[in-house]
Amino acid sequence: MTTPQDTLDLPAAAELLHCGLRAVKKLVDDGELPALQINQKHTVLLRSDLLAYIAERGREQAADRRRRNIIPSQRKARRASLRPDLRRYELTTSGSQDLSRGGSNSGAASKGSDGP
């Protein structure tokens, strides 16, 4: 027998799933989540059905990641390895000081372009 703690309304189900009310309504309407519609305004879901849905979808997603041989930690490492090596473009200490002051060459060029 189910107790009142075993049943949830749509807002409580949305909170348990950490998603919006519209998303839960769509899952119910699409038949992905079993729910009892008592009338136009009241829908009841079982907590055990929600937990089973979470477990099932989690297993499916884990299997998809295994099939692609990419798990999130490897994805981050692969993304980091694709970054270009920019060390050769780094400025030396004296070069960065010149840039902060506007650069020694740029000041000379602007003086010469003002006119005679």
PDB file of N, CA and C in Angstrom:
ATOM      1  N   MET A   1       0.839  -1.184   0.000  1.00  0.00           N
ATOM      2  CA  MET A   1       0.000   0.000   0.000  1.00  0.00           C
ATOM      3  C   MET A   1       0.880   1.242   0.000  1.00  0.00           C
ATOM      4  N   THR A   2       0.498   2.228  -0.773  1.00  0.00           N
ATOM      5  CA  THR A   2       1.293   3.458  -0.848  1.00  0.00           C
ATOM      6  C   THR A   2       0.849   4.429   0.231  1.00  0.00           C
ATOM      7  N   THR A   3       1.792   5.154   0.742  1.00  0.00           N
ATOM      8  CA  THR A   3       1.521   6.186   1.736  1.00  0.00           C
ATOM      9  C   THR A   3       1.545   7.533   1.034  1.00  0.00           C
ATOM     10  N   PRO A   4       1.054   8.589   1.681  1.00  0.00           N
ATOM     11  CA  PRO A   4       1.086   9.903   1.043  1.00  0.00           C
ATOM     12  C   PRO A   4       2.500  10.364   0.664  1.00  0.00           C
ATOM     13  N   GLN A   5       3.521   9.868   1.366  1.00  0.00           N
ATOM     14  CA  GLN A   5       4.890  10.248   1.037  1.00  0.00           C
ATOM     15  C   GLN A   5       5.363   9.572  -0.244  1.00  0.00           C
ATOM     16  N   ASP A   6       4.675   8.500  -0.639  1.00  0.00           N
ATOM     17  CA  ASP A   6       5.059   7.780  -1.848  1.00  0.00           C
ATOM     18  C   ASP A   6       4.506   8.414  -3.115  1.00  0.00           C
ATOM     19  N   THR A   7       3.537   9.311  -2.982  1.00  0.00           N
ATOM     20  CA  THR A   7       2.936   9.956  -4.143  1.00  0.00           C
ATOM     21  C   THR A   7       3.375  11.412  -4.212  1.00  0.00           C
ATOM     22  N   LEU A   8       3.476  11.907  -5.440  1.00  0.00           N
ATOM     23  CA  LEU A   8       3.913  13.291  -5.666  1.00  0.00           C
ATOM     24  C   LEU A   8       2.998  13.954  -6.668  1.00  0.00           C
ATOM     25  N   ASP A   9       2.813  15.242  -6.503  1.00  0.00           N
ATOM     26  CA  ASP A   9       2.135  16.004  -7.550  1.00  0.00           C
ATOM     27  C   ASP A   9       3.186  16.488  -8.542  1.00  0.00           C
ATOM     28  N   LEU A  10       2.767  17.180  -9.579  1.00  0.00           N
ATOM     29  CA  LEU A  10       3.712  17.599 -10.616  1.00  0.00           C
ATOM     30  C   LEU A  10       4.816  18.530 -10.104  1.00  0.00           C
ATOM     31  N   PRO A  11       4.497  19.544  -9.290  1.00  0.00           N
ATOM     32  CA  PRO A  11       5.588  20.401  -8.787  1.00  0.00           C
ATOM     33  C   PRO A  11       6.603  19.637  -7.937  1.00  0.00           C
ATOM     34  N   ALA A  12       6.142  18.701  -7.113  1.00  0.00           N
ATOM     35  CA  ALA A  12       7.064  17.915  -6.289  1.00  0.00           C
ATOM     36  C   ALA A  12       7.906  16.986  -7.161  1.00  0.00           C
ATOM     37  N   ALA A  13       7.295  16.441  -8.222  1.00  0.00           N
ATOM     38  CA  ALA A  13       8.045  15.592  -9.150  1.00  0.00           C
ATOM     39  C   ALA A  13       9.110  16.407  -9.874  1.00  0.00           C
ATOM     40  N   ALA A  14       8.758  17.628 -10.257  1.00  0.00           N
ATOM     41  CA  ALA A  14       9.729  18.498 -10.924  1.00  0.00           C
ATOM     42  C   ALA A  14      10.897  18.810  -9.992  1.00  0.00           C
ATOM     43  N   GLU A  15      10.608  19.020  -8.727  1.00  0.00           N
ATOM     44  CA  GLU A  15      11.666  19.283  -7.750  1.00  0.00           C
ATOM     45  C   GLU A  15      12.564  18.062  -7.575  1.00  0.00           C
ATOM     46  N   LEU A  16      11.965  16.882  -7.523  1.00  0.00           N
ATOM     47  CA  LEU A  16      12.744  15.655  -7.365  1.00  0.00           C
ATOM     48  C   LEU A  16      13.638  15.414  -8.583  1.00  0.00           C
ATOM     49  N   LEU A  17      13.135  15.725  -9.771  1.00  0.00           N
ATOM     50  CA  LEU A  17      13.906  15.531 -11.003  1.00  0.00           C
ATOM     51  C   LEU A  17      14.847  16.697 -11.305  1.00  0.00           C
ATOM     52  N   HIS A  18      14.759  17.761 -10.528  1.00  0.00           N
ATOM     53  CA  HIS A  18      15.574  18.966 -10.743  1.00  0.00           C
ATOM     54  C   HIS A  18      15.353  19.529 -12.148  1.00  0.00           C
ATOM     55  N   CYS A  19      14.091  19.657 -12.515  1.00  0.00           N
ATOM     56  CA  CYS A  19      13.765  20.243 -13.810  1.00  0.00           C
ATOM     57  C   CYS A  19      12.493  21.062 -13.645  1.00  0.00           C
ATOM     58  N   GLY A  20      12.048  21.639 -14.717  1.00  0.00           N
ATOM     59  CA  GLY A  20      10.881  22.493 -14.669  1.00  0.00           C
ATOM     60  C   GLY A  20       9.572  21.714 -14.744  1.00  0.00           C
ATOM     61  N   LEU A  21       8.511  22.396 -14.387  1.00  0.00           N
ATOM     62  CA  LEU A  21       7.184  21.807 -14.400  1.00  0.00           C
ATOM     63  C   LEU A  21       6.773  21.413 -15.819  1.00  0.00           C
ATOM     64  N   ARG A  22       7.107  22.245 -16.791  1.00  0.00           N
ATOM     65  CA  ARG A  22       6.783  21.930 -18.188  1.00  0.00           C
ATOM     66  C   ARG A  22       7.459  20.636 -18.646  1.00  0.00           C
ATOM     67  N   ALA A  23       8.702  20.432 -18.224  1.00  0.00           N
ATOM     68  CA  ALA A  23       9.432  19.223 -18.619  1.00  0.00           C
ATOM     69  C   ALA A  23       8.753  17.980 -18.058  1.00  0.00           C
ATOM     70  N   VAL A  24       8.292  18.057 -16.811  1.00  0.00           N
ATOM     71  CA  VAL A  24       7.610  16.906 -16.204  1.00  0.00           C
ATOM     72  C   VAL A  24       6.280  16.666 -16.909  1.00  0.00           C
ATOM     73  N   LYS A  25       5.548  17.739 -17.197  1.00  0.00           N
ATOM     74  CA  LYS A  25       4.277  17.589 -17.910  1.00  0.00           C
ATOM     75  C   LYS A  25       4.497  16.934 -19.266  1.00  0.00           C
ATOM     76  N   LYS A  26       5.559  17.323 -19.950  1.00  0.00           N
ATOM     77  CA  LYS A  26       5.855  16.735 -21.255  1.00  0.00           C
ATOM     78  C   LYS A  26       6.189  15.253 -21.126  1.00  0.00           C
ATOM     79  N   LEU A  27       6.976  14.882 -20.107  1.00  0.00           N
ATOM     80  CA  LEU A  27       7.295  13.472 -19.881  1.00  0.00           C
ATOM     81  C   LEU A  27       6.040  12.654 -19.601  1.00  0.00           C
ATOM     82  N   VAL A  28       5.110  13.224 -18.843  1.00  0.00           N
ATOM     83  CA  VAL A  28       3.856  12.536 -18.545  1.00  0.00           C
ATOM     84  C   VAL A  28       3.015  12.434 -19.819  1.00  0.00           C
ATOM     85  N   ASP A  29       2.883  13.537 -20.542  1.00  0.00           N
ATOM     86  CA  ASP A  29       2.074  13.541 -21.764  1.00  0.00           C
ATOM     87  C   ASP A  29       2.632  12.610 -22.833  1.00  0.00           C
ATOM     88  N   ASP A  30       3.975  12.499 -22.902  1.00  0.00           N
ATOM     89  CA  ASP A  30       4.613  11.612 -23.887  1.00  0.00           C
ATOM     90  C   ASP A  30       4.604  10.150 -23.445  1.00  0.00           C
ATOM     91  N   GLY A  31       4.160   9.887 -22.219  1.00  0.00           N
ATOM     92  CA  GLY A  31       4.095   8.521 -21.721  1.00  0.00           C
ATOM     93  C   GLY A  31       5.412   7.993 -21.170  1.00  0.00           C
ATOM     94  N   GLU A  32       6.411   8.875 -21.001  1.00  0.00           N
ATOM     95  CA  GLU A  32       7.700   8.434 -20.452  1.00  0.00           C
ATOM     96  C   GLU A  32       7.621   8.205 -18.946  1.00  0.00           C
ATOM     97  N   LEU A  33       6.764   8.951 -18.277  1.00  0.00           N
ATOM     98  CA  LEU A  33       6.555   8.787 -16.841  1.00  0.00           C
ATOM     99  C   LEU A  33       5.122   8.330 -16.608  1.00  0.00           C
ATOM    100  N   PRO A  34       4.940   7.231 -15.894  1.00  0.00           N
ATOM    101  CA  PRO A  34       3.566   6.822 -15.585  1.00  0.00           C
ATOM    102  C   PRO A  34       2.966   7.756 -14.539  1.00  0.00           C
ATOM    103  N   ALA A  35       1.742   8.193 -14.801  1.00  0.00           N
ATOM    104  CA  ALA A  35       1.080   9.116 -13.888  1.00  0.00           C
ATOM    105  C   ALA A  35      -0.426   8.904 -13.973  1.00  0.00           C
ATOM    106  N   LEU A  36      -1.099   9.221 -12.895  1.00  0.00           N
ATOM    107  CA  LEU A  36      -2.548   9.138 -12.837  1.00  0.00           C
ATOM    108  C   LEU A  36      -3.103  10.551 -12.886  1.00  0.00           C
ATOM    109  N   GLN A  37      -3.892  10.830 -13.897  1.00  0.00           N
ATOM    110  CA  GLN A  37      -4.544  12.130 -13.968  1.00  0.00           C
ATOM    111  C   GLN A  37      -5.923  11.988 -13.334  1.00  0.00           C
ATOM    112  N   ILE A  38      -6.075  12.605 -12.169  1.00  0.00           N
ATOM    113  CA  ILE A  38      -7.323  12.490 -11.433  1.00  0.00           C
ATOM    114  C   ILE A  38      -8.405  13.340 -12.093  1.00  0.00           C
ATOM    115  N   ASN A  39      -8.051  14.526 -12.474  1.00  0.00           N
ATOM    116  CA  ASN A  39      -8.934  15.397 -13.237  1.00  0.00           C
ATOM    117  C   ASN A  39      -8.062  16.359 -14.032  1.00  0.00           C
ATOM    118  N   GLN A  40      -8.638  17.406 -14.547  1.00  0.00           N
ATOM    119  CA  GLN A  40      -7.874  18.342 -15.378  1.00  0.00           C
ATOM    120  C   GLN A  40      -6.713  18.986 -14.626  1.00  0.00           C
ATOM    121  N   LYS A  41      -6.858  19.159 -13.319  1.00  0.00           N
ATOM    122  CA  LYS A  41      -5.860  19.915 -12.562  1.00  0.00           C
ATOM    123  C   LYS A  41      -4.931  19.052 -11.711  1.00  0.00           C
ATOM    124  N   HIS A  42      -5.283  17.818 -11.439  1.00  0.00           N
ATOM    125  CA  HIS A  42      -4.507  17.020 -10.492  1.00  0.00           C
ATOM    126  C   HIS A  42      -3.928  15.778 -11.155  1.00  0.00           C
ATOM    127  N   THR A  43      -2.607  15.663 -11.052  1.00  0.00           N
ATOM    128  CA  THR A  43      -1.886  14.507 -11.565  1.00  0.00           C
ATOM    129  C   THR A  43      -1.028  13.966 -10.433  1.00  0.00           C
ATOM    130  N   VAL A  44      -1.010  12.650 -10.288  1.00  0.00           N
ATOM    131  CA  VAL A  44      -0.274  12.011  -9.201  1.00  0.00           C
ATOM    132  C   VAL A  44       0.741  11.044  -9.799  1.00  0.00           C
ATOM    133  N   LEU A  45       1.964  11.096  -9.278  1.00  0.00           N
ATOM    134  CA  LEU A  45       3.033  10.199  -9.706  1.00  0.00           C
ATOM    135  C   LEU A  45       3.565   9.465  -8.480  1.00  0.00           C
ATOM    136  N   LEU A  46       4.075   8.281  -8.702  1.00  0.00           N
ATOM    137  CA  LEU A  46       4.700   7.534  -7.607  1.00  0.00           C
ATOM    138  C   LEU A  46       6.182   7.884  -7.538  1.00  0.00           C
ATOM    139  N   ARG A  47       6.676   8.110  -6.338  1.00  0.00           N
ATOM    140  CA  ARG A  47       8.088   8.417  -6.141  1.00  0.00           C
ATOM    141  C   ARG A  47       8.960   7.289  -6.702  1.00  0.00           C
ATOM    142  N   SER A  48       8.546   6.061  -6.523  1.00  0.00           N
ATOM    143  CA  SER A  48       9.331   4.927  -7.015  1.00  0.00           C
ATOM    144  C   SER A  48       9.432   4.939  -8.547  1.00  0.00           C
ATOM    145  N   ASP A  49       8.367   5.389  -9.230  1.00  0.00           N
ATOM    146  CA  ASP A  49       8.424   5.495 -10.692  1.00  0.00           C
ATOM    147  C   ASP A  49       9.429   6.557 -11.132  1.00  0.00           C
ATOM    148  N   LEU A  50       9.479   7.664 -10.411  1.00  0.00           N
ATOM    149  CA  LEU A  50      10.438   8.725 -10.744  1.00  0.00           C
ATOM    150  C   LEU A  50      11.871   8.258 -10.517  1.00  0.00           C
ATOM    151  N   LEU A  51      12.095   7.579  -9.397  1.00  0.00           N
ATOM    152  CA  LEU A  51      13.444   7.086  -9.110  1.00  0.00           C
ATOM    153  C   LEU A  51      13.862   6.022 -10.123  1.00  0.00           C
ATOM    154  N   ALA A  52      12.911   5.182 -10.537  1.00  0.00           N
ATOM    155  CA  ALA A  52      13.213   4.176 -11.564  1.00  0.00           C
ATOM    156  C   ALA A  52      13.528   4.848 -12.899  1.00  0.00           C
ATOM    157  N   TYR A  53      12.811   5.918 -13.221  1.00  0.00           N
ATOM    158  CA  TYR A  53      13.066   6.662 -14.458  1.00  0.00           C
ATOM    159  C   TYR A  53      14.477   7.256 -14.437  1.00  0.00           C
ATOM    160  N   ILE A  54      14.849   7.846 -13.306  1.00  0.00           N
ATOM    161  CA  ILE A  54      16.189   8.429 -13.173  1.00  0.00           C
ATOM    162  C   ILE A  54      17.248   7.346 -13.345  1.00  0.00           C
ATOM    163  N   ALA A  55      17.058   6.212 -12.698  1.00  0.00           N
ATOM    164  CA  ALA A  55      18.044   5.124 -12.782  1.00  0.00           C
ATOM    165  C   ALA A  55      18.135   4.584 -14.214  1.00  0.00           C
ATOM    166  N   GLU A  56      16.991   4.401 -14.852  1.00  0.00           N
ATOM    167  CA  GLU A  56      16.985   3.856 -16.216  1.00  0.00           C
ATOM    168  C   GLU A  56      17.651   4.805 -17.204  1.00  0.00           C
ATOM    169  N   ARG A  57      17.281   6.076 -17.136  1.00  0.00           N
ATOM    170  CA  ARG A  57      17.872   7.058 -18.061  1.00  0.00           C
ATOM    171  C   ARG A  57      19.363   7.241 -17.790  1.00  0.00           C
ATOM    172  N   GLY A  58      19.756   7.188 -16.528  1.00  0.00           N
ATOM    173  CA  GLY A  58      21.173   7.298 -16.186  1.00  0.00           C
ATOM    174  C   GLY A  58      21.975   6.148 -16.756  1.00  0.00           C
ATOM    175  N   ARG A  59      21.424   4.941 -16.666  1.00  0.00           N
ATOM    176  CA  ARG A  59      22.115   3.776 -17.237  1.00  0.00           C
ATOM    177  C   ARG A  59      22.213   3.877 -18.755  1.00  0.00           C
ATOM    178  N   GLU A  60      21.135   4.353 -19.396  1.00  0.00           N
ATOM    179  CA  GLU A  60      21.164   4.520 -20.857  1.00  0.00           C
ATOM    180  C   GLU A  60      22.233   5.522 -21.276  1.00  0.00           C
ATOM    181  N   GLN A  61      22.300   6.636 -20.574  1.00  0.00           N
ATOM    182  CA  GLN A  61      23.293   7.651 -20.910  1.00  0.00           C
ATOM    183  C   GLN A  61      24.709   7.158 -20.646  1.00  0.00           C
ATOM    184  N   ALA A  62      24.891   6.395 -19.575  1.00  0.00           N
ATOM    185  CA  ALA A  62      26.220   5.841 -19.288  1.00  0.00           C
ATOM    186  C   ALA A  62      26.622   4.863 -20.386  1.00  0.00           C
ATOM    187  N   ALA A  63      25.680   4.055 -20.852  1.00  0.00           N
ATOM    188  CA  ALA A  63      25.975   3.109 -21.932  1.00  0.00           C
ATOM    189  C   ALA A  63      26.331   3.854 -23.217  1.00  0.00           C
ATOM    190  N   ASP A  64      25.629   4.947 -23.502  1.00  0.00           N
ATOM    191  CA  ASP A  64      25.950   5.753 -24.687  1.00  0.00           C
ATOM    192  C   ASP A  64      27.363   6.322 -24.593  1.00  0.00           C
ATOM    193  N   ARG A  65      27.735   6.796 -23.407  1.00  0.00           N
ATOM    194  CA  ARG A  65      29.092   7.343 -23.237  1.00  0.00           C
ATOM    195  C   ARG A  65      30.138   6.256 -23.414  1.00  0.00           C
ATOM    196  N   ARG A  66      29.849   5.060 -22.890  1.00  0.00           N
ATOM    197  CA  ARG A  66      30.797   3.954 -23.056  1.00  0.00           C
ATOM    198  C   ARG A  66      30.919   3.571 -24.526  1.00  0.00           C
ATOM    199  N   ARG A  67      29.805   3.575 -25.248  1.00  0.00           N
ATOM    200  CA  ARG A  67      29.850   3.234 -26.673  1.00  0.00           C
ATOM    201  C   ARG A  67      30.698   4.231 -27.455  1.00  0.00           C
ATOM    202  N   ARG A  68      30.622   5.463 -27.073  1.00  0.00           N
ATOM    203  CA  ARG A  68      31.428   6.488 -27.745  1.00  0.00           C
ATOM    204  C   ARG A  68      32.842   6.544 -27.196  1.00  0.00           C
ATOM    205  N   ASN A  69      33.100   5.782 -26.128  1.00  0.00           N
ATOM    206  CA  ASN A  69      34.408   5.755 -25.465  1.00  0.00           C
ATOM    207  C   ASN A  69      34.838   7.124 -24.979  1.00  0.00           C
ATOM    208  N   ILE A  70      33.884   7.923 -24.617  1.00  0.00           N
ATOM    209  CA  ILE A  70      34.196   9.241 -24.080  1.00  0.00           C
ATOM    210  C   ILE A  70      33.436   9.387 -22.776  1.00  0.00           C
ATOM    211  N   ILE A  71      34.182   9.537 -21.708  1.00  0.00           N
ATOM    212  CA  ILE A  71      33.569   9.872 -20.443  1.00  0.00           C
ATOM    213  C   ILE A  71      33.949  11.315 -20.145  1.00  0.00           C
ATOM    214  N   PRO A  72      33.180  12.033 -19.333  1.00  0.00           N
ATOM    215  CA  PRO A  72      33.423  13.465 -19.156  1.00  0.00           C
ATOM    216  C   PRO A  72      34.862  13.833 -18.807  1.00  0.00           C
ATOM    217  N   SER A  73      35.542  13.060 -17.983  1.00  0.00           N
ATOM    218  CA  SER A  73      36.918  13.413 -17.611  1.00  0.00           C
ATOM    219  C   SER A  73      37.836  13.313 -18.827  1.00  0.00           C
ATOM    220  N   GLN A  74      37.618  12.325 -19.685  1.00  0.00           N
ATOM    221  CA  GLN A  74      38.438  12.209 -20.894  1.00  0.00           C
ATOM    222  C   GLN A  74      38.122  13.326 -21.873  1.00  0.00           C
ATOM    223  N   ARG A  75      36.845  13.752 -21.915  1.00  0.00           N
ATOM    224  CA  ARG A  75      36.447  14.821 -22.819  1.00  0.00           C
ATOM    225  C   ARG A  75      37.195  16.108 -22.469  1.00  0.00           C
ATOM    226  N   LYS A  76      37.304  16.403 -21.167  1.00  0.00           N
ATOM    227  CA  LYS A  76      38.032  17.600 -20.739  1.00  0.00           C
ATOM    228  C   LYS A  76      39.509  17.495 -21.098  1.00  0.00           C
ATOM    229  N   ALA A  77      40.089  16.327 -20.876  1.00  0.00           N
ATOM    230  CA  ALA A  77      41.509  16.139 -21.184  1.00  0.00           C
ATOM    231  C   ALA A  77      41.744  16.267 -22.680  1.00  0.00           C
ATOM    232  N   ARG A  78      40.845  15.715 -23.480  1.00  0.00           N
ATOM    233  CA  ARG A  78      41.015  15.801 -24.924  1.00  0.00           C
ATOM    234  C   ARG A  78      40.869  17.245 -25.399  1.00  0.00           C
ATOM    235  N   ARG A  79      39.927  17.972 -24.805  1.00  0.00           N
ATOM    236  CA  ARG A  79      39.727  19.373 -25.163  1.00  0.00           C
ATOM    237  C   ARG A  79      40.976  20.181 -24.824  1.00  0.00           C
ATOM    238  N   ALA A  80      41.601  19.886 -23.679  1.00  0.00           N
ATOM    239  CA  ALA A  80      42.810  20.598 -23.267  1.00  0.00           C
ATOM    240  C   ALA A  80      43.963  20.282 -24.212  1.00  0.00           C
ATOM    241  N   SER A  81      44.024  19.045 -24.704  1.00  0.00           N
ATOM    242  CA  SER A  81      45.126  18.687 -25.598  1.00  0.00           C
ATOM    243  C   SER A  81      44.976  19.336 -26.973  1.00  0.00           C
ATOM    244  N   LEU A  82      43.782  19.777 -27.320  1.00  0.00           N
ATOM    245  CA  LEU A  82      43.562  20.413 -28.612  1.00  0.00           C
ATOM    246  C   LEU A  82      43.884  21.904 -28.597  1.00  0.00           C
ATOM    247  N   ARG A  83      44.146  22.440 -27.433  1.00  0.00           N
ATOM    248  CA  ARG A  83      44.471  23.862 -27.343  1.00  0.00           C
ATOM    249  C   ARG A  83      45.834  24.112 -27.969  1.00  0.00           C
ATOM    250  N   PRO A  84      45.974  25.199 -28.716  1.00  0.00           N
ATOM    251  CA  PRO A  84      47.272  25.482 -29.336  1.00  0.00           C
ATOM    252  C   PRO A  84      48.299  25.911 -28.296  1.00  0.00           C
ATOM    253  N   ASP A  85      49.542  25.640 -28.592  1.00  0.00           N
ATOM    254  CA  ASP A  85      50.625  26.040 -27.706  1.00  0.00           C
ATOM    255  C   ASP A  85      50.977  27.486 -28.033  1.00  0.00           C
ATOM    256  N   LEU A  86      50.653  28.394 -27.148  1.00  0.00           N
ATOM    257  CA  LEU A  86      50.848  29.822 -27.379  1.00  0.00           C
ATOM    258  C   LEU A  86      52.082  30.370 -26.683  1.00  0.00           C
ATOM    259  N   ARG A  87      52.917  29.503 -26.148  1.00  0.00           N
ATOM    260  CA  ARG A  87      54.084  29.987 -25.408  1.00  0.00           C
ATOM    261  C   ARG A  87      55.023  30.798 -26.283  1.00  0.00           C
ATOM    262  N   ARG A  88      55.139  30.447 -27.556  1.00  0.00           N
ATOM    263  CA  ARG A  88      56.084  31.191 -28.398  1.00  0.00           C
ATOM    264  C   ARG A  88      55.570  32.595 -28.716  1.00  0.00           C
ATOM    265  N   TYR A  89      54.277  32.831 -28.496  1.00  0.00           N
ATOM    266  CA  TYR A  89      53.720  34.154 -28.743  1.00  0.00           C
ATOM    267  C   TYR A  89      53.718  35.040 -27.507  1.00  0.00           C
ATOM    268  N   GLU A  90      54.106  34.487 -26.369  1.00  0.00           N
ATOM    269  CA  GLU A  90      54.126  35.270 -25.148  1.00  0.00           C
ATOM    270  C   GLU A  90      55.196  36.342 -25.240  1.00  0.00           C
ATOM    271  N   LEU A  91      54.902  37.490 -24.681  1.00  0.00           N
ATOM    272  CA  LEU A  91      55.838  38.606 -24.701  1.00  0.00           C
ATOM    273  C   LEU A  91      56.839  38.471 -23.571  1.00  0.00           C
ATOM    274  N   THR A  92      58.003  38.983 -23.793  1.00  0.00           N
ATOM    275  CA  THR A  92      58.987  39.006 -22.725  1.00  0.00           C
ATOM    276  C   THR A  92      58.588  40.075 -21.734  1.00  0.00           C
ATOM    277  N   THR A  93      59.274  40.123 -20.596  1.00  0.00           N
ATOM    278  CA  THR A  93      58.933  41.089 -19.564  1.00  0.00           C
ATOM    279  C   THR A  93      59.079  42.512 -20.071  1.00  0.00           C
ATOM    280  N   SER A  94      60.139  42.801 -20.815  1.00  0.00           N
ATOM    281  CA  SER A  94      60.327  44.159 -21.325  1.00  0.00           C
ATOM    282  C   SER A  94      59.280  44.480 -22.380  1.00  0.00           C
ATOM    283  N   GLY A  95      58.861  43.495 -23.172  1.00  0.00           N
ATOM    284  CA  GLY A  95      57.848  43.725 -24.197  1.00  0.00           C
ATOM    285  C   GLY A  95      56.502  44.046 -23.582  1.00  0.00           C
ATOM    286  N   SER A  96      56.161  43.397 -22.476  1.00  0.00           N
ATOM    287  CA  SER A  96      54.870  43.661 -21.848  1.00  0.00           C
ATOM    288  C   SER A  96      54.865  45.046 -21.205  1.00  0.00           C
ATOM    289  N   GLN A  97      56.031  45.512 -20.731  1.00  0.00           N
ATOM    290  CA  GLN A  97      56.092  46.856 -20.162  1.00  0.00           C
ATOM    291  C   GLN A  97      55.903  47.889 -21.256  1.00  0.00           C
ATOM    292  N   ASP A  98      56.482  47.657 -22.433  1.00  0.00           N
ATOM    293  CA  ASP A  98      56.316  48.598 -23.537  1.00  0.00           C
ATOM    294  C   ASP A  98      54.852  48.670 -23.951  1.00  0.00           C
ATOM    295  N   LEU A  99      54.165  47.549 -23.963  1.00  0.00           N
ATOM    296  CA  LEU A  99      52.769  47.542 -24.370  1.00  0.00           C
ATOM    297  C   LEU A  99      51.901  48.261 -23.363  1.00  0.00           C
ATOM    298  N   SER A 100      52.236  48.168 -22.085  1.00  0.00           N
ATOM    299  CA  SER A 100      51.421  48.830 -21.082  1.00  0.00           C
ATOM    300  C   SER A 100      51.571  50.347 -21.161  1.00  0.00           C
ATOM    301  N   ARG A 101      52.710  50.818 -21.659  1.00  0.00           N
ATOM    302  CA  ARG A 101      52.922  52.256 -21.809  1.00  0.00           C
ATOM    303  C   ARG A 101      52.569  52.740 -23.211  1.00  0.00           C
ATOM    304  N   GLY A 102      52.065  51.851 -24.023  1.00  0.00           N
ATOM    305  CA  GLY A 102      51.732  52.262 -25.372  1.00  0.00           C
ATOM    306  C   GLY A 102      52.795  51.840 -26.359  1.00  0.00           C
ATOM    307  N   GLY A 103      53.899  51.289 -25.905  1.00  0.00           N
ATOM    308  CA  GLY A 103      54.951  50.808 -26.797  1.00  0.00           C
ATOM    309  C   GLY A 103      55.853  51.923 -27.243  1.00  0.00           C
ATOM    310  N   SER A 104      57.169  51.645 -27.341  1.00  0.00           N
ATOM    311  CA  SER A 104      58.120  52.690 -27.713  1.00  0.00           C
ATOM    312  C   SER A 104      58.005  53.027 -29.188  1.00  0.00           C
ATOM    313  N   ASN A 105      57.712  52.035 -30.039  1.00  0.00           N
ATOM    314  CA  ASN A 105      57.607  52.302 -31.465  1.00  0.00           C
ATOM    315  C   ASN A 105      56.328  53.048 -31.807  1.00  0.00           C
ATOM    316  N   SER A 106      55.259  52.734 -31.118  1.00  0.00           N
ATOM    317  CA  SER A 106      53.991  53.381 -31.448  1.00  0.00           C
ATOM    318  C   SER A 106      54.029  54.854 -31.069  1.00  0.00           C
ATOM    319  N   GLY A 107      54.747  55.226 -30.014  1.00  0.00           N
ATOM    320  CA  GLY A 107      54.858  56.635 -29.624  1.00  0.00           C
ATOM    321  C   GLY A 107      55.650  57.414 -30.649  1.00  0.00           C
ATOM    322  N   ALA A 108      56.709  56.835 -31.172  1.00  0.00           N
ATOM    323  CA  ALA A 108      57.516  57.503 -32.158  1.00  0.00           C
ATOM    324  C   ALA A 108      56.743  57.674 -33.462  1.00  0.00           C
ATOM    325  N   ALA A 109      55.958  56.695 -33.817  1.00  0.00           N
ATOM    326  CA  ALA A 109      55.196  56.770 -35.053  1.00  0.00           C
ATOM    327  C   ALA A 109      54.124  57.838 -34.939  1.00  0.00           C
ATOM    328  N   SER A 110      53.530  57.995 -33.780  1.00  0.00           N
ATOM    329  CA  SER A 110      52.475  58.993 -33.653  1.00  0.00           C
ATOM    330  C   SER A 110      53.047  60.398 -33.658  1.00  0.00           C
ATOM    331  N   LYS A 111      54.294  60.603 -33.136  1.00  0.00           N
ATOM    332  CA  LYS A 111      54.902  61.926 -33.157  1.00  0.00           C
ATOM    333  C   LYS A 111      55.231  62.342 -34.580  1.00  0.00           C
ATOM    334  N   GLY A 112      55.673  61.376 -35.363  1.00  0.00           N
ATOM    335  CA  GLY A 112      56.054  61.696 -36.732  1.00  0.00           C
ATOM    336  C   GLY A 112      54.848  61.923 -37.618  1.00  0.00           C
ATOM    337  N   SER A 113      53.689  61.414 -37.282  1.00  0.00           N
ATOM    338  CA  SER A 113      52.532  61.547 -38.142  1.00  0.00           C
ATOM    339  C   SER A 113      51.726  62.801 -37.831  1.00  0.00           C
ATOM    340  N   ASP A 114      52.096  63.544 -36.774  1.00  0.00           N
ATOM    341  CA  ASP A 114      51.362  64.765 -36.434  1.00  0.00           C
ATOM    342  C   ASP A 114      51.646  65.891 -37.409  1.00  0.00           C
ATOM    343  N   GLY A 115      52.735  65.839 -38.054  1.00  0.00           N
ATOM    344  CA  GLY A 115      53.057  66.900 -39.016  1.00  0.00           C
ATOM    345  C   GLY A 115      54.426  67.491 -38.738  1.00  0.00           C
ATOM    346  N   PRO A 116      54.923  68.374 -39.595  1.00  0.00           N
ATOM    347  CA  PRO A 116      56.280  68.934 -39.443  1.00  0.00           C
ATOM    348  C   PRO A 116      56.422  69.948 -38.359  1.00  0.00           C
TER     349      PRO A 116
END
